[in-house]
Protein backbone atom coordinates (compact mmCIF):
# COMPACT_ATOMS: atom_id res chain seq x y z
CA MET A 1 1.53 46.33 8.56
CA ALA A 2 3.09 43.18 9.95
CA ILE A 3 1.02 41.15 7.47
CA ILE A 4 2.31 43.18 4.50
CA GLU A 5 5.89 42.68 5.66
CA HIS A 6 5.20 38.96 6.02
CA ILE A 7 3.84 38.86 2.46
CA LYS A 8 6.88 40.71 1.11
CA LYS A 9 9.18 38.31 2.91
CA SER A 10 7.19 35.30 1.59
CA ILE A 11 7.31 36.65 -1.98
CA LYS A 12 11.07 37.13 -1.80
CA GLU A 13 11.44 33.62 -0.45
CA THR A 14 9.30 32.25 -3.30
CA SER A 15 11.38 34.20 -5.84
CA SER A 16 14.52 32.51 -4.58
CA PHE A 17 13.02 29.12 -5.54
CA THR A 18 12.01 30.05 -9.08
CA LYS A 19 15.29 29.91 -11.02
CA ASN A 20 14.03 29.77 -14.64
CA HIS A 21 10.46 28.79 -13.75
CA GLU A 22 7.47 30.67 -12.41
CA ILE A 23 5.91 29.59 -9.13
CA LEU A 24 2.36 30.12 -7.97
CA PHE A 25 2.57 32.13 -4.75
CA ARG A 26 -0.44 31.80 -2.43
CA TYR A 27 -1.08 33.63 0.80
CA THR A 28 -4.18 32.94 2.96
CA LYS A 29 -5.41 34.91 5.95
CA LYS A 30 -8.45 34.66 8.21
CA ILE A 31 -10.39 37.92 8.18
CA LYS A 32 -13.37 39.60 9.77
CA TYR A 33 -15.82 40.57 7.06
CA ASP A 34 -19.03 42.32 8.08
CA ASN A 35 -19.99 43.95 4.78
CA GLN A 36 -22.69 42.62 2.51
CA TRP A 37 -21.59 40.50 -0.47
CA GLU A 38 -23.38 42.97 -2.76
CA ASN A 39 -20.48 45.39 -2.32
CA LEU A 40 -18.23 42.98 -4.18
CA LEU A 41 -20.81 41.78 -6.71
CA LEU A 42 -21.53 45.33 -7.85
CA ASP A 43 -17.86 46.28 -8.20
CA ASN A 44 -16.79 46.86 -11.82
CA ARG A 45 -13.00 46.78 -11.47
CA ASP A 46 -12.41 43.04 -11.95
CA LYS A 47 -14.26 40.00 -13.22
CA ILE A 48 -16.35 38.40 -10.49
CA PHE A 49 -17.17 34.76 -9.81
CA TYR A 50 -19.53 33.88 -6.97
CA ILE A 51 -21.09 30.63 -5.86
CA SER A 52 -23.02 30.07 -2.65
CA TYR A 53 -24.25 26.66 -1.54
CA PRO A 54 -27.17 25.83 0.78
CA ASN A 55 -24.66 24.32 3.26
CA GLN A 56 -23.43 27.86 4.06
CA ILE A 57 -20.19 27.61 2.09
CA THR A 58 -19.58 30.53 -0.27
CA TYR A 59 -16.74 31.33 -2.67
CA ILE A 60 -16.26 34.72 -4.25
CA ALA A 61 -13.38 35.30 -6.63
CA ILE A 62 -12.21 38.72 -7.76
CA GLY A 63 -9.90 38.83 -10.76
CA TYR A 64 -8.01 36.02 -12.47
CA CYS A 65 -4.49 34.91 -11.65
CA ARG A 66 -4.62 32.58 -14.65
CA GLU A 67 -7.48 31.58 -16.91
CA TYR A 68 -8.09 28.70 -19.31
CA ILE A 69 -10.50 29.19 -22.21
CA ILE A 70 -12.13 25.90 -23.24
CA SER A 71 -13.73 25.16 -26.62
CA SER A 72 -14.11 21.36 -26.66
CA ASN A 73 -14.69 18.40 -24.36
CA LYS A 74 -11.13 17.25 -25.06
CA GLU A 75 -9.71 20.57 -23.85
CA LEU A 76 -11.92 20.39 -20.77
CA THR A 77 -10.70 17.00 -19.58
CA ALA A 78 -7.08 17.94 -20.43
CA LEU A 79 -7.17 20.52 -17.62
CA LYS A 80 -6.66 17.74 -15.10
CA ASN A 81 -3.17 17.11 -16.50
CA LEU A 82 -1.87 20.61 -15.77
CA GLN A 83 0.95 20.76 -13.23
CA TYR A 84 1.54 23.54 -10.72
CA ARG A 85 4.53 24.56 -8.63
CA ILE A 86 2.97 26.19 -5.57
CA GLN A 87 4.40 27.93 -2.52
CA SER A 88 1.71 28.51 0.11
CA TYR A 89 1.91 30.72 3.20
CA GLY A 90 -0.39 31.81 6.00
CA LYS A 91 -3.52 29.97 7.15
CA ASN A 92 -4.67 26.65 5.66
CA LYS A 93 -1.55 26.50 3.53
CA ASN A 94 -1.96 22.75 3.05
CA ASP A 95 -5.39 23.15 1.44
CA THR A 96 -5.41 22.02 -2.18
CA LEU A 97 -5.62 24.69 -4.88
CA LYS A 98 -9.11 25.14 -6.35
CA LEU A 99 -9.95 26.22 -9.90
CA PHE A 100 -13.36 27.75 -10.60
CA GLY A 101 -15.50 28.00 -13.72
CA GLY A 102 -17.82 25.98 -15.86
CA SER A 103 -19.09 24.88 -19.24
CA SER A 104 -21.79 25.84 -21.69
CA PHE A 105 -24.57 23.46 -22.72
CA ASN A 106 -22.77 22.33 -25.87
CA LEU A 107 -18.99 22.76 -25.90
CA GLU A 108 -18.70 21.51 -29.46
CA GLN A 109 -21.10 24.05 -30.99
CA LYS A 110 -19.93 27.48 -32.17
CA SER A 111 -21.25 30.35 -30.05
CA GLU A 112 -23.97 32.43 -31.70
CA ASP A 113 -26.39 35.28 -31.03
CA LEU A 114 -26.03 36.69 -27.51
CA TRP A 115 -23.20 34.28 -26.78
CA GLU A 116 -20.97 35.25 -29.68
CA ASN A 117 -17.40 35.95 -28.50
CA ILE A 118 -18.18 34.47 -25.07
CA PRO A 119 -16.02 31.47 -24.06
CA LYS A 120 -17.71 28.08 -24.46
CA GLY A 121 -15.99 27.00 -21.27
CA LEU A 122 -13.82 28.81 -18.76
CA PHE A 123 -11.79 27.85 -15.70
CA PHE A 124 -9.43 30.01 -13.72
CA ILE A 125 -7.24 30.39 -10.65
CA PRO A 126 -8.61 33.40 -8.73
CA LYS A 127 -6.34 36.31 -7.96
CA PHE A 128 -8.33 36.98 -4.78
CA LEU A 129 -10.60 34.35 -3.29
CA ILE A 130 -12.85 34.98 -0.31
CA ILE A 131 -14.11 31.84 1.37
CA LYS A 132 -17.01 31.87 3.80
CA ASN A 133 -17.46 28.66 5.78
CA LYS A 134 -20.43 29.27 8.07
CA GLU A 135 -19.24 32.22 10.19
CA ASP A 136 -15.54 32.07 9.30
CA HIS A 137 -14.03 34.12 6.47
CA PHE A 138 -10.69 33.62 4.75
CA ILE A 139 -9.02 35.48 1.93
CA SER A 140 -6.54 33.80 -0.39
CA TYR A 141 -4.27 35.76 -2.73
CA CYS A 142 -2.57 34.08 -5.71
CA LYS A 143 0.18 35.47 -7.93
CA TYR A 144 2.68 33.91 -10.32
CA ILE A 145 6.22 34.75 -9.18
CA THR A 146 9.50 34.78 -11.08
CA ALA A 147 13.02 35.59 -9.97
CA HIS A 148 12.43 39.19 -11.13
CA SER A 149 9.10 39.80 -9.36
CA ASP A 150 8.73 43.04 -7.42
CA ALA A 151 7.80 42.08 -3.84
CA GLN A 152 6.89 45.66 -2.93
CA LYS A 153 4.50 46.08 -5.88
CA ILE A 154 2.83 42.71 -5.31
CA SER A 155 2.33 43.31 -1.57
CA MET A 156 0.80 46.72 -2.37
CA GLU A 157 -1.74 45.02 -4.67
CA TYR A 158 -2.78 42.84 -1.75
CA GLU A 159 -2.93 45.80 0.64
CA SER A 160 -5.05 47.81 -1.82
CA PHE A 161 -7.56 44.97 -2.13
CA ILE A 162 -7.90 44.61 1.64
CA LYS A 163 -8.72 48.33 1.87
CA GLN A 164 -11.25 47.92 -0.93
CA LEU A 165 -13.12 45.28 1.08
CA LYS A 166 -14.09 47.95 3.61
CA ASN A 167 -15.86 50.07 0.99
CA GLN A 168 -19.63 50.31 1.24
CA LEU A 169 -21.62 50.70 -1.97
CA HIS A 170 -25.21 51.86 -2.11
CA VAL A 171 -27.38 49.01 -3.42
CA LYS A 172 -30.37 50.23 -5.45
CA LYS A 173 -33.66 48.39 -5.55
CA THR A 174 -33.77 46.33 -8.75
CA ASP A 175 -36.62 46.93 -11.17
CA VAL A 176 -37.13 44.27 -13.85
CA VAL A 177 -39.52 45.02 -16.72
CA PHE A 178 -40.75 42.37 -19.18
CA ASP A 179 -39.96 42.91 -22.87
CA ARG A 180 -40.83 39.78 -24.87
CA ASN A 181 -40.89 35.98 -25.13
CA ILE A 182 -38.37 34.24 -27.39
CA PRO A 183 -39.86 32.37 -29.22
CA ASN A 184 -43.37 33.84 -29.08
CA LYS A 185 -46.24 31.54 -28.19
CA GLU A 186 -47.18 30.75 -31.79
CA THR A 187 -43.63 29.77 -32.75
CA TYR A 188 -43.30 27.77 -29.52
CA SER A 189 -46.46 25.87 -30.48
CA ASN A 190 -45.01 25.01 -33.90
CA ILE A 191 -41.73 23.78 -32.36
CA PHE A 192 -43.63 21.77 -29.75
CA SER A 193 -45.59 20.01 -32.52
CA ILE A 194 -42.40 19.12 -34.40
CA LEU A 195 -40.78 17.67 -31.28
CA SER A 196 -43.96 15.82 -30.26
CA ASP A 197 -44.08 14.22 -33.70
CA SER A 198 -40.46 13.10 -33.22
CA ILE A 199 -41.52 11.34 -30.02
CA LYS A 200 -44.55 9.76 -31.69
CA SER A 201 -42.34 8.46 -34.50
CA LYS A 202 -39.96 7.12 -31.83
CA ALA A 203 -37.01 9.17 -33.09
CA VAL A 204 -36.57 10.25 -29.45
CA ASP A 205 -38.12 9.19 -26.15
CA LYS A 206 -37.79 12.56 -24.42
CA ILE A 207 -36.63 16.02 -25.45
CA VAL A 208 -36.21 19.27 -23.51
CA LEU A 209 -37.55 22.41 -25.18
CA SER A 210 -36.30 25.69 -23.73
CA ARG A 211 -37.56 29.25 -23.93
CA MET A 212 -36.15 32.69 -23.26
CA LYS A 213 -37.69 35.83 -21.75
CA LYS A 214 -36.12 39.24 -22.28
CA PHE A 215 -36.37 41.91 -19.57
CA SER A 216 -34.81 45.28 -18.89
CA ALA A 217 -33.11 45.84 -15.52
CA ASN A 218 -32.00 49.11 -13.97
CA ASN A 219 -28.82 47.69 -12.40
CA LYS A 220 -26.81 44.52 -11.89
CA ILE A 221 -28.93 41.63 -10.66
CA ILE A 222 -28.43 40.50 -7.06
CA LEU A 223 -30.10 37.29 -5.87
CA LYS A 224 -31.51 36.48 -2.44
CA ASP A 225 -30.06 33.51 -0.55
CA GLY A 226 -32.34 30.47 -0.36
CA SER A 227 -32.43 26.70 -0.62
CA CYS A 228 -30.68 26.61 -4.02
CA THR A 229 -27.13 27.21 -5.27
CA ASN A 230 -26.72 30.86 -6.32
CA PHE A 231 -24.04 31.79 -8.83
CA TYR A 232 -22.63 34.66 -10.89
CA ILE A 233 -19.79 34.59 -13.40
CA ASP A 234 -18.52 37.51 -15.49
CA LEU A 235 -17.86 35.96 -18.90
CA LYS A 236 -17.05 39.34 -20.42
CA LYS A 237 -16.73 42.75 -18.83
CA ASN A 238 -20.40 43.61 -19.48
CA LYS A 239 -21.81 40.06 -19.72
CA ARG A 240 -22.66 38.28 -16.49
CA PHE A 241 -24.24 34.83 -16.31
CA LEU A 242 -26.20 34.18 -13.12
CA GLY A 243 -28.77 31.89 -11.61
CA THR A 244 -30.23 30.01 -8.69
CA THR A 245 -30.22 26.27 -9.40
CA PRO A 246 -31.68 23.35 -7.44
CA GLU A 247 -29.83 20.73 -9.52
CA LEU A 248 -26.53 19.13 -8.54
CA LEU A 249 -24.63 17.47 -11.39
CA ILE A 250 -21.82 15.82 -9.42
CA GLU A 251 -19.87 16.29 -6.21
CA ILE A 252 -16.80 14.21 -5.31
CA ASN A 253 -14.91 14.07 -2.03
CA ASN A 254 -12.20 11.41 -1.69
CA LYS A 255 -13.87 8.85 -4.00
CA GLU A 256 -17.32 9.40 -2.47
CA PHE A 257 -19.79 11.01 -4.85
CA THR A 258 -23.21 12.62 -4.74
CA THR A 259 -25.44 13.39 -7.69
CA SER A 260 -29.17 13.76 -8.27
CA ALA A 261 -31.99 13.39 -10.77
CA ILE A 262 -34.52 16.22 -10.95
CA ALA A 263 -37.33 15.89 -13.50
CA GLY A 264 -41.08 16.19 -13.18
CA THR A 265 -42.71 19.46 -12.09
CA LEU A 266 -45.87 20.51 -10.26
CA LYS A 267 -47.15 24.01 -9.54
CA LYS A 268 -47.13 24.75 -5.83
CA GLU A 269 -50.65 25.28 -4.47
CA THR A 270 -51.88 26.18 -1.00
CA ASP A 271 -53.53 22.74 -0.87
CA SER A 272 -50.78 20.09 -0.80
CA SER A 273 -53.18 17.13 -1.13
CA ASN A 274 -52.28 16.79 -4.83
CA LEU A 275 -48.70 15.74 -3.95
CA ASP A 276 -49.78 12.11 -3.66
CA ILE A 277 -51.25 12.32 -7.16
CA PHE A 278 -48.05 13.97 -8.40
CA LEU A 279 -45.97 11.10 -7.01
CA LYS A 280 -48.10 8.63 -9.00
CA ASP A 281 -48.48 10.64 -12.21
CA LYS A 282 -47.42 8.40 -15.13
CA LYS A 283 -46.24 11.25 -17.35
CA GLU A 284 -44.11 12.86 -14.59
CA LEU A 285 -42.72 9.49 -13.45
CA SER A 286 -41.84 8.60 -17.04
CA GLU A 287 -39.98 11.89 -17.51
CA HIS A 288 -38.15 11.36 -14.21
CA LYS A 289 -37.26 7.74 -14.96
CA TYR A 290 -35.38 8.68 -18.14
CA VAL A 291 -33.09 10.90 -16.05
CA VAL A 292 -32.58 8.35 -13.27
CA ASP A 293 -31.87 5.48 -15.66
CA ASP A 294 -29.38 7.52 -17.68
CA LEU A 295 -27.63 8.71 -14.53
CA ILE A 296 -27.30 5.22 -13.04
CA LYS A 297 -26.12 3.76 -16.35
CA LYS A 298 -23.40 6.39 -16.72
CA ILE A 299 -22.22 6.52 -13.11
CA SER A 300 -22.13 2.72 -12.79
CA ILE A 301 -19.11 2.58 -15.10
CA TYR A 302 -17.05 4.38 -12.45
CA SER A 303 -18.69 3.09 -9.26
CA ARG A 304 -18.22 0.17 -6.92
CA GLU A 305 -21.20 1.14 -4.78
CA ILE A 306 -24.42 3.10 -5.52
CA THR A 307 -27.20 4.02 -3.11
CA LYS A 308 -30.59 5.39 -4.17
CA ASP A 309 -34.27 5.01 -3.37
CA ASN A 310 -36.51 3.11 -5.78
CA THR A 311 -39.12 5.87 -5.81
CA PRO A 312 -38.56 9.63 -6.08
CA GLU A 313 -39.16 12.09 -3.27
CA ILE A 314 -40.52 15.64 -3.42
CA LEU A 315 -38.19 18.61 -3.75
CA GLU A 316 -40.04 21.72 -2.56
CA LEU A 317 -39.13 25.13 -4.00
CA GLU A 318 -40.85 28.48 -3.61
CA HIS A 319 -43.21 28.18 -6.58
CA LEU A 320 -43.13 24.52 -7.56
CA TYR A 321 -42.35 20.93 -6.65
CA HIS A 322 -40.00 18.56 -8.46
CA LEU A 323 -39.61 14.81 -8.42
CA TYR A 324 -36.17 14.25 -6.96
CA THR A 325 -33.91 11.21 -6.58
CA PRO A 326 -30.59 11.71 -4.77
CA VAL A 327 -27.85 9.23 -5.70
CA LYS A 328 -24.73 8.54 -3.63
CA GLY A 329 -21.91 6.08 -3.89
CA LYS A 330 -18.19 5.29 -3.99
CA LEU A 331 -15.91 5.33 -7.00
CA LYS A 332 -13.76 2.36 -8.02
CA LYS A 333 -10.69 4.60 -8.26
CA ASN A 334 -9.73 8.27 -8.04
CA THR A 335 -11.66 9.44 -11.09
CA HIS A 336 -11.26 13.19 -11.69
CA ILE A 337 -14.48 15.19 -11.41
CA LEU A 338 -13.83 16.76 -14.84
CA ASP A 339 -14.05 13.29 -16.40
CA LEU A 340 -17.29 12.54 -14.57
CA ALA A 341 -18.86 15.91 -15.36
CA ASN A 342 -17.99 15.49 -19.03
CA HIS A 343 -19.44 11.96 -19.00
CA LEU A 344 -22.69 12.82 -17.19
CA HIS A 345 -23.49 16.10 -18.90
CA PRO A 346 -25.83 16.90 -20.53
CA THR A 347 -28.34 14.72 -18.69
CA PRO A 348 -31.82 13.91 -20.05
CA ALA A 349 -33.11 16.50 -17.56
CA VAL A 350 -31.77 19.30 -19.79
CA LEU A 351 -31.38 17.48 -23.10
CA GLY A 352 -33.54 14.41 -23.60
CA THR A 353 -32.80 10.89 -24.78
CA PRO A 354 -31.26 9.38 -26.84
CA LYS A 355 -28.57 12.04 -26.52
CA ASP A 356 -27.36 12.54 -30.10
CA LYS A 357 -30.78 12.70 -31.74
CA ALA A 358 -32.20 14.95 -29.01
CA LEU A 359 -29.24 17.32 -29.41
CA ASP A 360 -29.69 17.48 -33.18
CA LEU A 361 -33.38 18.33 -32.77
CA ILE A 362 -32.62 21.07 -30.23
CA ILE A 363 -30.01 22.66 -32.50
CA GLU A 364 -32.40 22.47 -35.47
CA ASN A 365 -35.47 23.85 -33.70
CA GLU A 366 -34.64 26.12 -30.77
CA PRO A 367 -34.37 29.66 -32.19
CA PHE A 368 -31.40 30.68 -30.05
CA ASP A 369 -28.08 29.47 -28.71
CA ARG A 370 -28.49 28.21 -25.12
CA GLY A 371 -24.97 29.30 -24.28
CA TRP A 372 -24.22 28.54 -20.62
CA TYR A 373 -27.86 27.84 -19.81
CA SER A 374 -28.16 24.13 -18.86
CA GLY A 375 -24.38 23.79 -18.71
CA TYR A 376 -22.66 23.50 -15.33
CA ILE A 377 -20.69 25.65 -12.91
CA GLY A 378 -18.51 25.13 -9.85
CA TRP A 379 -14.97 24.14 -8.97
CA TYR A 380 -12.41 21.35 -8.83
CA ASP A 381 -9.16 20.89 -6.93
CA LEU A 382 -5.83 19.31 -7.80
CA ASN A 383 -6.89 16.02 -6.19
CA GLY A 384 -9.81 15.68 -8.61
CA ASN A 385 -12.45 16.52 -5.99
CA GLY A 386 -15.02 19.25 -6.50
CA ARG A 387 -18.62 20.16 -7.17
CA PHE A 388 -20.60 21.15 -10.27
CA ASP A 389 -24.23 22.28 -10.40
CA VAL A 390 -26.39 22.36 -13.53
CA THR A 391 -27.02 25.95 -14.65
CA ILE A 392 -30.80 25.92 -14.89
CA ARG A 393 -33.01 28.79 -13.60
CA SER A 394 -30.40 31.10 -15.08
CA ALA A 395 -29.97 34.29 -17.09
CA LEU A 396 -27.45 36.29 -19.08
CA GLN A 397 -27.26 39.97 -18.20
CA ILE A 398 -25.78 42.26 -20.85
CA ASP A 399 -25.66 45.81 -19.50
CA LYS A 400 -29.31 46.58 -18.70
CA ASN A 401 -30.79 43.67 -20.68
CA LEU A 402 -31.65 40.44 -18.88
CA TYR A 403 -32.21 37.23 -20.88
CA CYS A 404 -33.78 34.49 -18.73
CA TYR A 405 -33.88 30.80 -19.71
CA ALA A 406 -36.16 27.91 -18.75
CA GLY A 407 -37.00 24.53 -20.26
CA GLY A 408 -39.40 21.66 -19.94
CA GLY A 409 -39.15 17.98 -20.76
CA ILE A 410 -41.46 16.66 -23.47
CA VAL A 411 -42.46 12.98 -23.39
CA LYS A 412 -45.23 10.95 -25.00
CA ASP A 413 -48.09 12.31 -22.88
CA SER A 414 -46.95 15.93 -22.65
CA LYS A 415 -49.46 18.72 -23.36
CA GLU A 416 -48.32 22.00 -24.88
CA ILE A 417 -50.28 24.28 -22.54
CA TYR A 418 -48.91 22.52 -19.47
CA GLU A 419 -45.32 22.72 -20.71
CA TRP A 420 -45.66 26.44 -21.40
CA GLU A 421 -47.08 27.00 -17.92
CA GLU A 422 -44.32 24.88 -16.38
CA THR A 423 -41.63 27.06 -17.92
CA GLU A 424 -43.50 30.14 -16.69
CA LEU A 425 -43.14 28.76 -13.15
CA LYS A 426 -39.45 28.15 -13.70
CA PHE A 427 -38.97 31.74 -14.85
CA GLN A 428 -40.78 32.85 -11.72
CA HIS A 429 -38.33 30.85 -9.58
CA LEU A 430 -35.50 33.05 -10.85
CA LEU A 431 -37.39 36.34 -10.98
CA SER A 432 -38.68 36.02 -7.41
CA ALA A 433 -35.09 35.51 -6.19
CA ILE A 434 -34.05 38.96 -7.45
CA LYS A 435 -33.52 41.47 -4.65
């Protein structure tokens, strides 16, 4: 009860500062939270955003305090210019405000098919944000306050949410049943031939061809924790985008950045002796090199220092291996992560190269809108720091229909059968993570 009275007092104090302007009120408290995250992810009352990193940091947002719908790259980068008047109370009150969200694969393309009426890009200030940092849990509550705000009503909203956290929901076992491939294998073969001819004619050097698998699911998908970044975002009330991605696009912390190149795939066998062959495979190295070269070329514009190995290492996942090159460095100045994300994305790992021609070929030949698949998701703060991961190994769930996405890079020596099998492995990565 003392906390509620403190919130009411803080709200009234914030109201006294507003005059003719609204102020973002924020209250943060350390909490004990022993329930499973599934209780929140299965709740239908508010839109959910969840992202969990391998370093044991998790953010889960429930409801939006304010949202920004994005439909172009220009609108995306303009977000960094927004100004906020904030009054913070409670724990960690000096922490910088974070906004969460992400972008689709192609912000400039009109949404179609499954993605019709879904935002091309979306960022928001959470109404409630639960932060798990290793074993510590915090809850942050945000609300815009004016001189006429009702402190009693607002504090009751907070109190009601805290009570809701104690609710236990019964989590059913998820059954996922295959429906069909989109495109089917024959159509995929025709598209593969067209794109291979484009490479032979030197119209493009590399292009990424994606596929979709449709399943039915008996309830909302919940993913197991693992070595990848898990995420969920409710883009509409009944449309949730989710995934478990191994690929970091960009992370910035006080002018220090981390990014990575992931391209080149090998099926995981019980005998690991073929890893040495994989590391020397010309086709896989060629595919990987396009991503590394593009990444270094783009990031160099902003960097005063870059560190990377000259040869890739192996990234081990449950069903496959990837060629992986981590890249770290320091920026010349305080470049906002939104500018860098917009500059780096889409990488040749999800698009191909050269960019414009590869994009045209994808739009012309893939028989569906990728939507948020192969876009990026994460957060940024008001200092321009943040983290975005590429949304591969992902799916769109619409009620009880699950549409999974996977893609493979085609280069000069690519073989159709191997590319089909590679995407099958990538589908399996996601499907095996379902609880």
